[in-house]
Amino acid sequence: MAAKVAAKVGLWIDHRQAVIMTLTDNGVNKTVIKSNTERHARAAGDPNLTGPHKDRMIPADDRHEREFDEHLKIYYNQIIDAICSAESILIFGPGEAKKELKKQLEKNNLDEHIAAVETADEMTDNQILAKVCKYFNVPVPEPFEVESPHQRMKAPLHPR
């Protein structure tokens, strides 16, 4: 049986998607996980509702917030499944999702694998890869082009 390859993972995340770059001795793998959820600002029911149904109004904001939180739990668990075997994990992104994922990793006793959590703006796949390679002091593979966000990429880490 082959020895397990120790992977270093860089993960750009927001509430819509996570772009995971996995660096191993065999190359780079890219995985994109979509959350399929979106937070919507909504009013709490119909303000013009009158009569016997008015007292039965359920605050829409609470229901939607619970649904949003449940979708995020599923999303974070999918990400954790994809990165749980990593030796070291760099998490970065623009909003709160990076901190929320960190908490989920801590709940799963994976916090010792977190190398850092950093704030970063929207980034292209190549920018994400460059940041991950720089952080882990690994040369960026050449040539490295991303044709599609759904394409799985493999490129040698040390071109010869």
Protein backbone atom coordinates (compact mmCIF):
# COMPACT_ATOMS: atom_id res chain seq x y z
CA MET A 1 0.00 0.00 0.00
CA ALA A 2 1.32 3.46 -0.91
CA ALA A 3 2.27 5.89 1.84
CA LYS A 4 -0.22 8.66 2.51
CA VAL A 5 0.88 11.94 0.96
CA ALA A 6 0.91 14.84 3.43
CA ALA A 7 -1.14 17.63 1.89
CA LYS A 8 -1.11 21.34 2.49
CA VAL A 9 -4.45 22.98 1.81
CA GLY A 10 -5.34 26.57 1.01
CA LEU A 11 -9.01 27.39 1.20
CA TRP A 12 -10.70 30.58 -0.03
CA ILE A 13 -14.22 30.73 1.36
CA ASP A 14 -17.34 32.85 1.53
CA HIS A 15 -20.98 31.88 2.11
CA ARG A 16 -21.48 31.04 -1.58
CA GLN A 17 -18.52 28.79 -2.34
CA ALA A 18 -15.19 27.41 -1.22
CA VAL A 19 -12.21 27.03 -3.53
CA ILE A 20 -9.81 24.43 -2.15
CA MET A 21 -6.25 24.13 -3.45
CA THR A 22 -4.55 20.97 -2.23
CA LEU A 23 -0.76 20.84 -2.60
CA THR A 24 0.92 17.43 -2.55
CA ASP A 25 4.15 15.98 -3.87
CA ASN A 26 2.09 14.76 -6.83
CA GLY A 27 0.73 18.15 -7.86
CA VAL A 28 -2.14 20.53 -7.24
CA ASN A 29 -5.78 19.55 -6.95
CA LYS A 30 -8.54 22.13 -7.07
CA THR A 31 -11.97 21.47 -5.64
CA VAL A 32 -14.92 23.87 -5.67
CA ILE A 33 -17.75 23.37 -3.21
CA LYS A 34 -20.90 25.44 -3.66
CA SER A 35 -23.13 26.22 -0.69
CA ASN A 36 -26.36 26.50 -2.74
CA THR A 37 -27.66 28.97 -0.21
CA GLU A 38 -28.06 32.70 -0.10
CA ARG A 39 -29.10 35.05 2.65
CA HIS A 40 -32.11 37.14 1.65
CA ALA A 41 -33.34 40.24 3.40
CA ARG A 42 -37.06 39.72 3.82
CA ALA A 43 -39.86 41.40 5.68
CA ALA A 44 -41.55 39.45 8.46
CA GLY A 45 -44.72 38.48 6.63
CA ASP A 46 -47.25 40.66 4.88
CA PRO A 47 -47.67 43.98 6.70
CA ASN A 48 -51.10 44.44 5.08
CA LEU A 49 -52.52 41.18 6.47
CA THR A 50 -55.62 41.76 8.57
CA GLY A 51 -58.27 39.65 10.22
CA PRO A 52 -57.96 36.30 11.96
CA HIS A 53 -54.68 35.34 10.18
CA LYS A 54 -52.72 38.34 11.45
CA ASP A 55 -51.95 36.68 14.82
CA ARG A 56 -50.59 33.56 13.05
CA MET A 57 -47.87 35.38 11.19
CA ILE A 58 -44.54 33.57 11.59
CA PRO A 59 -41.57 35.91 11.42
CA ALA A 60 -40.07 35.06 8.04
CA ASP A 61 -36.66 36.35 9.09
CA ASP A 62 -36.35 33.74 11.86
CA ARG A 63 -37.42 30.88 9.60
CA HIS A 64 -35.09 31.96 6.80
CA GLU A 65 -32.23 32.47 9.23
CA ARG A 66 -32.69 28.92 10.58
CA GLU A 67 -32.80 27.52 7.03
CA PHE A 68 -29.69 29.51 6.12
CA ASP A 69 -27.85 28.21 9.20
CA GLU A 70 -28.83 24.60 8.40
CA HIS A 71 -27.58 24.97 4.81
CA LEU A 72 -24.30 26.41 6.11
CA LYS A 73 -23.81 23.43 8.46
CA ILE A 74 -24.17 21.08 5.49
CA TYR A 75 -21.80 23.27 3.44
CA TYR A 76 -19.15 23.38 6.19
CA ASN A 77 -19.39 19.60 6.68
CA GLN A 78 -18.77 19.08 2.94
CA ILE A 79 -15.68 21.28 3.18
CA ILE A 80 -14.44 19.47 6.28
CA ASP A 81 -14.86 16.12 4.50
CA ALA A 82 -12.70 17.46 1.65
CA ILE A 83 -9.88 18.81 3.87
CA CYS A 84 -9.90 16.65 7.01
CA SER A 85 -6.82 14.64 6.01
CA ALA A 86 -4.69 17.75 5.37
CA GLU A 87 -1.49 18.23 7.33
CA SER A 88 -1.88 22.02 7.32
CA ILE A 89 -4.78 24.31 6.36
CA LEU A 90 -4.70 27.99 5.38
CA ILE A 91 -8.19 29.53 5.48
CA PHE A 92 -8.87 32.91 3.89
CA GLY A 93 -11.74 34.92 2.47
CA PRO A 94 -13.68 38.16 2.65
CA GLY A 95 -16.41 37.59 5.24
CA GLU A 96 -17.48 35.66 8.30
CA ALA A 97 -17.47 32.22 6.65
CA LYS A 98 -13.76 31.70 7.36
CA LYS A 99 -14.33 32.21 11.10
CA GLU A 100 -17.43 30.02 11.08
CA LEU A 101 -15.51 27.23 9.33
CA LYS A 102 -12.70 27.56 11.87
CA LYS A 103 -15.25 27.01 14.67
CA GLN A 104 -16.56 23.91 12.89
CA LEU A 105 -13.01 22.57 12.51
CA GLU A 106 -12.47 23.16 16.24
CA LYS A 107 -15.69 21.26 17.05
CA ASN A 108 -14.34 18.36 14.96
CA ASN A 109 -10.97 18.43 16.78
CA LEU A 110 -9.16 19.52 13.61
CA ASP A 111 -8.00 22.91 14.89
CA GLU A 112 -4.40 21.71 15.26
CA HIS A 113 -4.26 21.52 11.45
CA ILE A 114 -5.20 25.20 10.98
CA ALA A 115 -2.06 27.10 9.93
CA ALA A 116 -3.74 30.52 9.74
CA VAL A 117 -7.03 32.34 9.13
CA GLU A 118 -6.68 35.51 7.05
CA THR A 119 -8.88 38.14 5.44
CA ALA A 120 -8.75 38.30 1.65
CA ASP A 121 -10.88 39.87 -1.09
CA GLU A 122 -12.44 38.09 -4.05
CA MET A 123 -9.69 36.26 -5.91
CA THR A 124 -9.23 34.37 -9.16
CA ASP A 125 -8.22 30.72 -9.00
CA ASN A 126 -4.67 31.62 -10.03
CA GLN A 127 -4.48 34.28 -7.29
CA ILE A 128 -5.71 31.73 -4.75
CA LEU A 129 -3.10 29.22 -5.89
CA ALA A 130 -0.33 31.85 -5.80
CA LYS A 131 -1.29 32.86 -2.25
CA VAL A 132 -1.36 29.24 -1.08
CA CYS A 133 1.98 28.44 -2.70
CA LYS A 134 3.57 31.57 -1.21
CA TYR A 135 2.22 30.81 2.26
CA PHE A 136 3.54 27.24 2.20
CA ASN A 137 6.78 28.29 0.46
CA VAL A 138 6.11 26.08 -2.58
CA PRO A 139 6.85 27.23 -6.15
CA VAL A 140 3.78 28.00 -8.24
CA PRO A 141 3.46 25.32 -10.95
CA GLU A 142 4.32 26.46 -14.48
CA PRO A 143 2.39 26.54 -16.73
CA PHE A 144 -0.74 26.80 -14.69
CA GLU A 145 -4.01 27.83 -16.28
CA VAL A 146 -7.55 27.40 -15.09
CA GLU A 147 -10.00 26.72 -17.90
CA SER A 148 -13.13 26.21 -15.83
CA PRO A 149 -14.05 26.59 -12.17
CA HIS A 150 -15.35 23.02 -12.25
CA GLN A 151 -12.24 21.51 -13.80
CA ARG A 152 -9.98 19.52 -11.54
CA MET A 153 -6.42 20.76 -12.00
CA LYS A 154 -3.23 18.78 -11.77
CA ALA A 155 0.15 20.35 -12.32
CA PRO A 156 3.55 19.28 -11.03
CA LEU A 157 4.75 21.27 -8.04
CA HIS A 158 8.37 21.10 -9.15
CA PRO A 159 8.55 21.38 -12.96
CA ARG A 160 11.67 19.94 -14.47
